[in-house]
Amino acid sequence: MQDAMSCLVFWEDHVVQSCCEQTDGSLLIKLSEYPARDARCGACGESSTLVHERTWRRVRERDWLDRRVWLHVPVRRMDCHHCGARVTERIGWLNRHARLTERLRVWVETLAELLPIAHVAKLTGLHWHTIKEIDKARLQHRFGNFEGRGVRRLVMDEFALHKGHRYATVVMDAGGDTVFSCPATARGRYGTSSSATSSAVSSNSMPATTSGRWCGIEAPTMGTVAIKAKEHFRMP
């Protein structure tokens, strides 16, 4: 069993040293550096052999079957002889200072596009605010930051998604074609539980998105939604 675990390729430049079950039923996997490969500098990305210090970090991994998975990961601070920086090594599957692996982050992003944040939190065991920050970063990467200068009036309407089983509320600039947000809900018309919609309508600045979730509409679709919204409100 131990030999099979040591051959896993999920964690680049690392090998499994041990695996044990914890009292709560989760798995704790202890990793070690792959001895045949040098660490990479976190600043320039070049190979480095000068280790200033080594610390251990406890990291959440994506679930395996019905088990929560934790990793005990060695993280080295390098004295890079290429750029002269003293910085944490670069690990491809773990961002700097992160407590979640990239595999888990991508999984949470996918779930957040399909489910409300509260459901994702219950499914993954992660804190609500952790999932919210991951989803917010995804939206900023996909759509960019909101620019609210010059916006004085906002209009909103709700439309059906997936044959009426789910709904989304579109919020857009009354004087243009810009769609600012499209928080999705699982409730029917006028039954939305998203306070982000009401906050966006009552504000002249950036719409607040402290609750609810977004349906992740792509740019071409957002243009179509804007046209439908203008027709609904009989806007020029």
C-alpha atoms as a PDB file:
ATOM      1  CA  MET A   1       0.000   0.000   0.000  1.00  0.00           C
ATOM      2  CA  GLN A   2       2.776   2.400   0.919  1.00  0.00           C
ATOM      3  CA  ASP A   3       4.639   1.608  -2.312  1.00  0.00           C
ATOM      4  CA  ALA A   4       1.496   2.355  -4.310  1.00  0.00           C
ATOM      5  CA  MET A   5       0.966   5.676  -2.507  1.00  0.00           C
ATOM      6  CA  SER A   6       4.544   6.759  -3.183  1.00  0.00           C
ATOM      7  CA  CYS A   7       3.938   6.417  -6.930  1.00  0.00           C
ATOM      8  CA  LEU A   8       1.068   8.924  -7.018  1.00  0.00           C
ATOM      9  CA  VAL A   9       1.653  11.786  -9.459  1.00  0.00           C
ATOM     10  CA  PHE A  10      -0.847  14.307  -8.101  1.00  0.00           C
ATOM     11  CA  TRP A  11       1.758  16.503  -6.429  1.00  0.00           C
ATOM     12  CA  GLU A  12       4.553  17.521  -8.762  1.00  0.00           C
ATOM     13  CA  ASP A  13       8.093  17.361  -7.327  1.00  0.00           C
ATOM     14  CA  HIS A  14       6.792  15.635  -4.171  1.00  0.00           C
ATOM     15  CA  VAL A  15       6.322  12.036  -3.080  1.00  0.00           C
ATOM     16  CA  VAL A  16       4.076  10.475  -0.443  1.00  0.00           C
ATOM     17  CA  GLN A  17       5.931   9.705   2.757  1.00  0.00           C
ATOM     18  CA  SER A  18       3.016   8.424   4.837  1.00  0.00           C
ATOM     19  CA  CYS A  19      -0.775   8.314   4.974  1.00  0.00           C
ATOM     20  CA  CYS A  20      -2.901   7.945   8.091  1.00  0.00           C
ATOM     21  CA  GLU A  21      -6.538   8.226   9.113  1.00  0.00           C
ATOM     22  CA  GLN A  22      -7.421  10.949  11.628  1.00  0.00           C
ATOM     23  CA  THR A  23     -10.011  10.774  14.381  1.00  0.00           C
ATOM     24  CA  ASP A  24     -12.625  12.613  12.303  1.00  0.00           C
ATOM     25  CA  GLY A  25     -12.292  10.098   9.454  1.00  0.00           C
ATOM     26  CA  SER A  26     -10.250  12.340   7.165  1.00  0.00           C
ATOM     27  CA  LEU A  27      -6.936  11.327   5.624  1.00  0.00           C
ATOM     28  CA  LEU A  28      -3.642  13.038   6.411  1.00  0.00           C
ATOM     29  CA  ILE A  29      -0.993  12.556   3.729  1.00  0.00           C
ATOM     30  CA  LYS A  30       2.546  13.583   4.546  1.00  0.00           C
ATOM     31  CA  LEU A  31       4.666  14.583   1.557  1.00  0.00           C
ATOM     32  CA  SER A  32       8.389  14.991   1.094  1.00  0.00           C
ATOM     33  CA  GLU A  33      10.462  16.638  -1.621  1.00  0.00           C
ATOM     34  CA  TYR A  34      11.412  14.533  -4.604  1.00  0.00           C
ATOM     35  CA  PRO A  35      15.168  14.093  -4.046  1.00  0.00           C
ATOM     36  CA  ALA A  36      16.137  14.102  -7.726  1.00  0.00           C
ATOM     37  CA  ARG A  37      14.719  17.578  -8.403  1.00  0.00           C
ATOM     38  CA  ASP A  38      15.840  20.972  -7.150  1.00  0.00           C
ATOM     39  CA  ALA A  39      13.440  23.564  -5.808  1.00  0.00           C
ATOM     40  CA  ARG A  40      12.424  26.505  -8.000  1.00  0.00           C
ATOM     41  CA  CYS A  41      12.818  30.093  -6.868  1.00  0.00           C
ATOM     42  CA  GLY A  42       9.485  31.762  -6.150  1.00  0.00           C
ATOM     43  CA  ALA A  43      10.710  35.012  -7.735  1.00  0.00           C
ATOM     44  CA  CYS A  44      12.508  34.056 -10.952  1.00  0.00           C
ATOM     45  CA  GLY A  45      11.487  30.400 -11.327  1.00  0.00           C
ATOM     46  CA  GLU A  46      15.054  29.121 -11.740  1.00  0.00           C
ATOM     47  CA  SER A  47      16.367  26.029  -9.976  1.00  0.00           C
ATOM     48  CA  SER A  48      17.966  26.681  -6.610  1.00  0.00           C
ATOM     49  CA  THR A  49      19.795  24.444  -4.150  1.00  0.00           C
ATOM     50  CA  LEU A  50      20.428  26.889  -1.285  1.00  0.00           C
ATOM     51  CA  VAL A  51      17.766  26.270   1.369  1.00  0.00           C
ATOM     52  CA  HIS A  52      17.459  28.991   4.024  1.00  0.00           C
ATOM     53  CA  GLU A  53      14.784  27.213   6.068  1.00  0.00           C
ATOM     54  CA  ARG A  54      12.092  24.582   5.813  1.00  0.00           C
ATOM     55  CA  THR A  55       8.610  24.796   7.343  1.00  0.00           C
ATOM     56  CA  TRP A  56       5.569  22.510   7.253  1.00  0.00           C
ATOM     57  CA  ARG A  57       2.181  23.622   6.002  1.00  0.00           C
ATOM     58  CA  ARG A  58      -1.176  21.892   6.467  1.00  0.00           C
ATOM     59  CA  VAL A  59      -3.184  22.133   3.232  1.00  0.00           C
ATOM     60  CA  ARG A  60      -6.662  20.998   2.174  1.00  0.00           C
ATOM     61  CA  GLU A  61      -6.832  18.795  -0.915  1.00  0.00           C
ATOM     62  CA  ARG A  62      -9.851  17.814  -2.963  1.00  0.00           C
ATOM     63  CA  ASP A  63     -11.916  15.024  -1.387  1.00  0.00           C
ATOM     64  CA  TRP A  64     -11.222  11.414  -2.300  1.00  0.00           C
ATOM     65  CA  LEU A  65     -14.471   9.428  -2.513  1.00  0.00           C
ATOM     66  CA  ASP A  66     -16.137  10.050   0.881  1.00  0.00           C
ATOM     67  CA  ARG A  67     -12.980  11.216   2.686  1.00  0.00           C
ATOM     68  CA  ARG A  68     -11.688  14.691   3.415  1.00  0.00           C
ATOM     69  CA  VAL A  69      -8.004  14.908   2.520  1.00  0.00           C
ATOM     70  CA  TRP A  70      -5.317  16.986   4.217  1.00  0.00           C
ATOM     71  CA  LEU A  71      -1.710  17.345   3.118  1.00  0.00           C
ATOM     72  CA  HIS A  72       1.321  17.921   5.326  1.00  0.00           C
ATOM     73  CA  VAL A  73       3.616  19.744   2.911  1.00  0.00           C
ATOM     74  CA  PRO A  74       7.258  20.814   3.395  1.00  0.00           C
ATOM     75  CA  VAL A  75       7.801  24.360   2.106  1.00  0.00           C
ATOM     76  CA  ARG A  76      11.322  25.709   1.661  1.00  0.00           C
ATOM     77  CA  ARG A  77      12.606  29.292   1.673  1.00  0.00           C
ATOM     78  CA  MET A  78      15.367  29.588  -0.868  1.00  0.00           C
ATOM     79  CA  ASP A  79      18.409  31.811  -1.196  1.00  0.00           C
ATOM     80  CA  CYS A  80      18.401  32.108  -4.977  1.00  0.00           C
ATOM     81  CA  HIS A  81      21.841  32.581  -6.526  1.00  0.00           C
ATOM     82  CA  HIS A  82      20.236  33.653  -9.818  1.00  0.00           C
ATOM     83  CA  CYS A  83      18.221  36.696  -8.695  1.00  0.00           C
ATOM     84  CA  GLY A  84      19.502  37.090  -5.128  1.00  0.00           C
ATOM     85  CA  ALA A  85      16.022  36.824  -3.579  1.00  0.00           C
ATOM     86  CA  ARG A  86      15.205  35.028  -0.340  1.00  0.00           C
ATOM     87  CA  VAL A  87      11.735  33.759  -1.096  1.00  0.00           C
ATOM     88  CA  THR A  88       9.437  30.758  -0.707  1.00  0.00           C
ATOM     89  CA  GLU A  89       9.926  28.104  -3.366  1.00  0.00           C
ATOM     90  CA  ARG A  90       7.511  27.868  -6.284  1.00  0.00           C
ATOM     91  CA  ILE A  91       5.165  24.872  -6.080  1.00  0.00           C
ATOM     92  CA  GLY A  92       3.075  24.356  -9.198  1.00  0.00           C
ATOM     93  CA  TRP A  93       0.004  22.916  -7.455  1.00  0.00           C
ATOM     94  CA  LEU A  94       0.058  25.251  -4.417  1.00  0.00           C
ATOM     95  CA  ASN A  95      -0.001  29.038  -4.548  1.00  0.00           C
ATOM     96  CA  ARG A  96       2.189  31.071  -2.244  1.00  0.00           C
ATOM     97  CA  HIS A  97       0.679  31.285   1.273  1.00  0.00           C
ATOM     98  CA  ALA A  98      -2.327  29.205   0.103  1.00  0.00           C
ATOM     99  CA  ARG A  99      -4.003  26.662   2.376  1.00  0.00           C
ATOM    100  CA  LEU A 100      -5.896  25.035  -0.501  1.00  0.00           C
ATOM    101  CA  THR A 101      -4.401  23.176  -3.444  1.00  0.00           C
ATOM    102  CA  GLU A 102      -5.048  24.381  -6.981  1.00  0.00           C
ATOM    103  CA  ARG A 103      -7.033  21.204  -7.623  1.00  0.00           C
ATOM    104  CA  LEU A 104      -9.424  22.043  -4.794  1.00  0.00           C
ATOM    105  CA  ARG A 105      -9.677  25.697  -5.854  1.00  0.00           C
ATOM    106  CA  VAL A 106     -10.690  24.728  -9.412  1.00  0.00           C
ATOM    107  CA  TRP A 107     -13.242  22.246  -8.041  1.00  0.00           C
ATOM    108  CA  VAL A 108     -14.779  24.940  -5.818  1.00  0.00           C
ATOM    109  CA  GLU A 109     -14.943  27.342  -8.786  1.00  0.00           C
ATOM    110  CA  THR A 110     -16.847  24.739 -10.809  1.00  0.00           C
ATOM    111  CA  LEU A 111     -19.277  24.015  -7.983  1.00  0.00           C
ATOM    112  CA  ALA A 112     -19.871  27.731  -7.353  1.00  0.00           C
ATOM    113  CA  GLU A 113     -21.042  28.150 -10.950  1.00  0.00           C
ATOM    114  CA  LEU A 114     -23.694  25.463 -10.441  1.00  0.00           C
ATOM    115  CA  LEU A 115     -24.748  25.716  -6.786  1.00  0.00           C
ATOM    116  CA  PRO A 116     -25.415  28.402  -4.167  1.00  0.00           C
ATOM    117  CA  ILE A 117     -22.419  29.174  -1.967  1.00  0.00           C
ATOM    118  CA  ALA A 118     -24.105  27.748   1.148  1.00  0.00           C
ATOM    119  CA  HIS A 119     -24.527  24.397  -0.624  1.00  0.00           C
ATOM    120  CA  VAL A 120     -20.901  24.399  -1.796  1.00  0.00           C
ATOM    121  CA  ALA A 121     -19.768  25.113   1.777  1.00  0.00           C
ATOM    122  CA  LYS A 122     -21.785  22.166   3.092  1.00  0.00           C
ATOM    123  CA  LEU A 123     -20.504  19.866   0.346  1.00  0.00           C
ATOM    124  CA  THR A 124     -16.806  20.752   0.683  1.00  0.00           C
ATOM    125  CA  GLY A 125     -16.597  21.593   4.388  1.00  0.00           C
ATOM    126  CA  LEU A 126     -14.949  24.939   3.581  1.00  0.00           C
ATOM    127  CA  HIS A 127     -15.970  28.217   5.203  1.00  0.00           C
ATOM    128  CA  TRP A 128     -18.572  30.333   3.390  1.00  0.00           C
ATOM    129  CA  HIS A 129     -16.195  33.301   3.118  1.00  0.00           C
ATOM    130  CA  THR A 130     -13.438  31.111   1.637  1.00  0.00           C
ATOM    131  CA  ILE A 131     -15.746  29.979  -1.168  1.00  0.00           C
ATOM    132  CA  LYS A 132     -16.974  33.542  -1.680  1.00  0.00           C
ATOM    133  CA  GLU A 133     -13.410  34.819  -2.135  1.00  0.00           C
ATOM    134  CA  ILE A 134     -12.642  32.042  -4.632  1.00  0.00           C
ATOM    135  CA  ASP A 135     -15.791  32.811  -6.620  1.00  0.00           C
ATOM    136  CA  LYS A 136     -15.089  36.557  -6.505  1.00  0.00           C
ATOM    137  CA  ALA A 137     -11.571  36.023  -7.890  1.00  0.00           C
ATOM    138  CA  ARG A 138     -13.024  33.856 -10.673  1.00  0.00           C
ATOM    139  CA  LEU A 139     -15.525  36.549 -11.648  1.00  0.00           C
ATOM    140  CA  GLN A 140     -12.904  39.290 -11.617  1.00  0.00           C
ATOM    141  CA  HIS A 141     -10.635  37.189 -13.819  1.00  0.00           C
ATOM    142  CA  ARG A 142     -13.450  36.456 -16.288  1.00  0.00           C
ATOM    143  CA  PHE A 143     -15.256  39.793 -16.413  1.00  0.00           C
ATOM    144  CA  GLY A 144     -12.779  42.315 -14.980  1.00  0.00           C
ATOM    145  CA  ASN A 145     -13.452  44.979 -12.358  1.00  0.00           C
ATOM    146  CA  PHE A 146     -16.579  47.100 -12.390  1.00  0.00           C
ATOM    147  CA  GLU A 147     -16.180  50.748 -13.389  1.00  0.00           C
ATOM    148  CA  GLY A 148     -19.075  52.763 -11.927  1.00  0.00           C
ATOM    149  CA  ARG A 149     -18.123  56.310 -12.883  1.00  0.00           C
ATOM    150  CA  GLY A 150     -20.865  58.091 -14.817  1.00  0.00           C
ATOM    151  CA  VAL A 151     -23.571  55.572 -13.876  1.00  0.00           C
ATOM    152  CA  ARG A 152     -26.573  57.359 -12.344  1.00  0.00           C
ATOM    153  CA  ARG A 153     -29.511  54.971 -12.873  1.00  0.00           C
ATOM    154  CA  LEU A 154     -29.743  51.186 -12.696  1.00  0.00           C
ATOM    155  CA  VAL A 155     -32.573  48.963 -13.947  1.00  0.00           C
ATOM    156  CA  MET A 156     -33.253  45.325 -13.166  1.00  0.00           C
ATOM    157  CA  ASP A 157     -35.389  42.400 -14.292  1.00  0.00           C
ATOM    158  CA  GLU A 158     -35.577  38.680 -13.650  1.00  0.00           C
ATOM    159  CA  PHE A 159     -35.586  35.999 -16.342  1.00  0.00           C
ATOM    160  CA  ALA A 160     -35.773  32.207 -16.371  1.00  0.00           C
ATOM    161  CA  LEU A 161     -32.808  29.862 -16.811  1.00  0.00           C
ATOM    162  CA  HIS A 162     -32.991  26.183 -17.802  1.00  0.00           C
ATOM    163  CA  LYS A 163     -36.721  26.001 -18.630  1.00  0.00           C
ATOM    164  CA  GLY A 164     -37.768  28.065 -15.624  1.00  0.00           C
ATOM    165  CA  HIS A 165     -36.256  25.899 -12.891  1.00  0.00           C
ATOM    166  CA  ARG A 166     -33.736  28.594 -11.996  1.00  0.00           C
ATOM    167  CA  TYR A 167     -33.809  32.361 -12.382  1.00  0.00           C
ATOM    168  CA  ALA A 168     -31.319  35.193 -12.749  1.00  0.00           C
ATOM    169  CA  THR A 169     -31.735  38.896 -12.065  1.00  0.00           C
ATOM    170  CA  VAL A 170     -30.047  41.220 -14.561  1.00  0.00           C
ATOM    171  CA  VAL A 171     -28.818  44.630 -13.356  1.00  0.00           C
ATOM    172  CA  MET A 172     -27.722  47.089 -16.040  1.00  0.00           C
ATOM    173  CA  ASP A 173     -26.994  50.732 -16.744  1.00  0.00           C
ATOM    174  CA  ALA A 174     -30.190  52.564 -17.708  1.00  0.00           C
ATOM    175  CA  GLY A 175     -28.225  54.874 -19.986  1.00  0.00           C
ATOM    176  CA  GLY A 176     -26.165  52.274 -21.851  1.00  0.00           C
ATOM    177  CA  ASP A 177     -25.744  48.630 -22.784  1.00  0.00           C
ATOM    178  CA  THR A 178     -23.510  47.602 -19.881  1.00  0.00           C
ATOM    179  CA  VAL A 179     -24.673  44.636 -17.781  1.00  0.00           C
ATOM    180  CA  PHE A 180     -23.177  44.945 -14.304  1.00  0.00           C
ATOM    181  CA  SER A 181     -24.308  41.758 -12.600  1.00  0.00           C
ATOM    182  CA  CYS A 182     -26.476  38.734 -13.066  1.00  0.00           C
ATOM    183  CA  PRO A 183     -26.932  36.956  -9.707  1.00  0.00           C
ATOM    184  CA  ALA A 184     -28.695  33.619 -10.116  1.00  0.00           C
ATOM    185  CA  THR A 185     -31.215  32.159  -7.664  1.00  0.00           C
ATOM    186  CA  ALA A 186     -32.968  28.837  -7.305  1.00  0.00           C
ATOM    187  CA  ARG A 187     -36.289  30.455  -6.419  1.00  0.00           C
ATOM    188  CA  GLY A 188     -39.100  31.613  -8.640  1.00  0.00           C
ATOM    189  CA  ARG A 189     -39.909  35.059  -9.934  1.00  0.00           C
ATOM    190  CA  TYR A 190     -39.839  37.722  -7.181  1.00  0.00           C
ATOM    191  CA  GLY A 191     -38.649  35.009  -4.795  1.00  0.00           C
ATOM    192  CA  THR A 192     -34.957  35.828  -5.038  1.00  0.00           C
ATOM    193  CA  SER A 193     -32.935  35.591  -1.855  1.00  0.00           C
ATOM    194  CA  SER A 194     -30.039  37.657  -3.228  1.00  0.00           C
ATOM    195  CA  SER A 195     -29.484  40.967  -1.424  1.00  0.00           C
ATOM    196  CA  ALA A 196     -26.870  41.797  -4.060  1.00  0.00           C
ATOM    197  CA  THR A 197     -29.671  42.730  -6.471  1.00  0.00           C
ATOM    198  CA  SER A 198     -31.367  45.196  -4.136  1.00  0.00           C
ATOM    199  CA  SER A 199     -28.010  46.656  -3.147  1.00  0.00           C
ATOM    200  CA  ALA A 200     -27.105  47.195  -6.788  1.00  0.00           C
ATOM    201  CA  VAL A 201     -30.376  48.970  -7.572  1.00  0.00           C
ATOM    202  CA  SER A 202     -30.157  51.311  -4.571  1.00  0.00           C
ATOM    203  CA  SER A 203     -26.506  52.237  -5.117  1.00  0.00           C
ATOM    204  CA  ASN A 204     -24.884  54.624  -7.576  1.00  0.00           C
ATOM    205  CA  SER A 205     -21.494  52.960  -7.150  1.00  0.00           C
ATOM    206  CA  MET A 206     -20.248  49.428  -7.519  1.00  0.00           C
ATOM    207  CA  PRO A 207     -23.007  46.858  -6.838  1.00  0.00           C
ATOM    208  CA  ALA A 208     -22.454  44.995  -3.565  1.00  0.00           C
ATOM    209  CA  THR A 209     -22.194  41.225  -3.937  1.00  0.00           C
ATOM    210  CA  THR A 210     -22.046  40.102  -0.335  1.00  0.00           C
ATOM    211  CA  SER A 211     -24.595  37.327  -0.800  1.00  0.00           C
ATOM    212  CA  GLY A 212     -26.254  35.277  -3.493  1.00  0.00           C
ATOM    213  CA  ARG A 213     -24.244  34.002  -6.447  1.00  0.00           C
ATOM    214  CA  TRP A 214     -23.573  34.899 -10.066  1.00  0.00           C
ATOM    215  CA  CYS A 215     -24.559  32.775 -13.031  1.00  0.00           C
ATOM    216  CA  GLY A 216     -21.328  33.503 -14.927  1.00  0.00           C
ATOM    217  CA  ILE A 217     -22.801  34.737 -18.232  1.00  0.00           C
ATOM    218  CA  GLU A 218     -20.229  35.169 -20.995  1.00  0.00           C
ATOM    219  CA  ALA A 219     -19.789  38.514 -22.784  1.00  0.00           C
ATOM    220  CA  PRO A 220     -21.814  37.670 -25.972  1.00  0.00           C
ATOM    221  CA  THR A 221     -24.727  36.457 -23.870  1.00  0.00           C
ATOM    222  CA  MET A 222     -24.530  39.559 -21.682  1.00  0.00           C
ATOM    223  CA  GLY A 223     -25.062  41.699 -24.786  1.00  0.00           C
ATOM    224  CA  THR A 224     -28.214  39.740 -25.623  1.00  0.00           C
ATOM    225  CA  VAL A 225     -29.462  40.148 -22.048  1.00  0.00           C
ATOM    226  CA  ALA A 226     -28.881  43.905 -22.300  1.00  0.00           C
ATOM    227  CA  ILE A 227     -31.014  44.105 -25.464  1.00  0.00           C
ATOM    228  CA  LYS A 228     -33.828  42.134 -23.829  1.00  0.00           C
ATOM    229  CA  ALA A 229     -33.687  44.343 -20.752  1.00  0.00           C
ATOM    230  CA  LYS A 230     -33.861  47.528 -22.861  1.00  0.00           C
ATOM    231  CA  GLU A 231     -36.857  46.132 -24.774  1.00  0.00           C
ATOM    232  CA  HIS A 232     -38.596  45.194 -21.523  1.00  0.00           C
ATOM    233  CA  PHE A 233     -38.175  48.686 -20.072  1.00  0.00           C
ATOM    234  CA  ARG A 234     -38.912  50.311 -23.496  1.00  0.00           C
ATOM    235  CA  MET A 235     -35.562  52.096 -23.419  1.00  0.00           C
ATOM    236  CA  PRO A 236     -34.100  53.760 -26.546  1.00  0.00           C
END
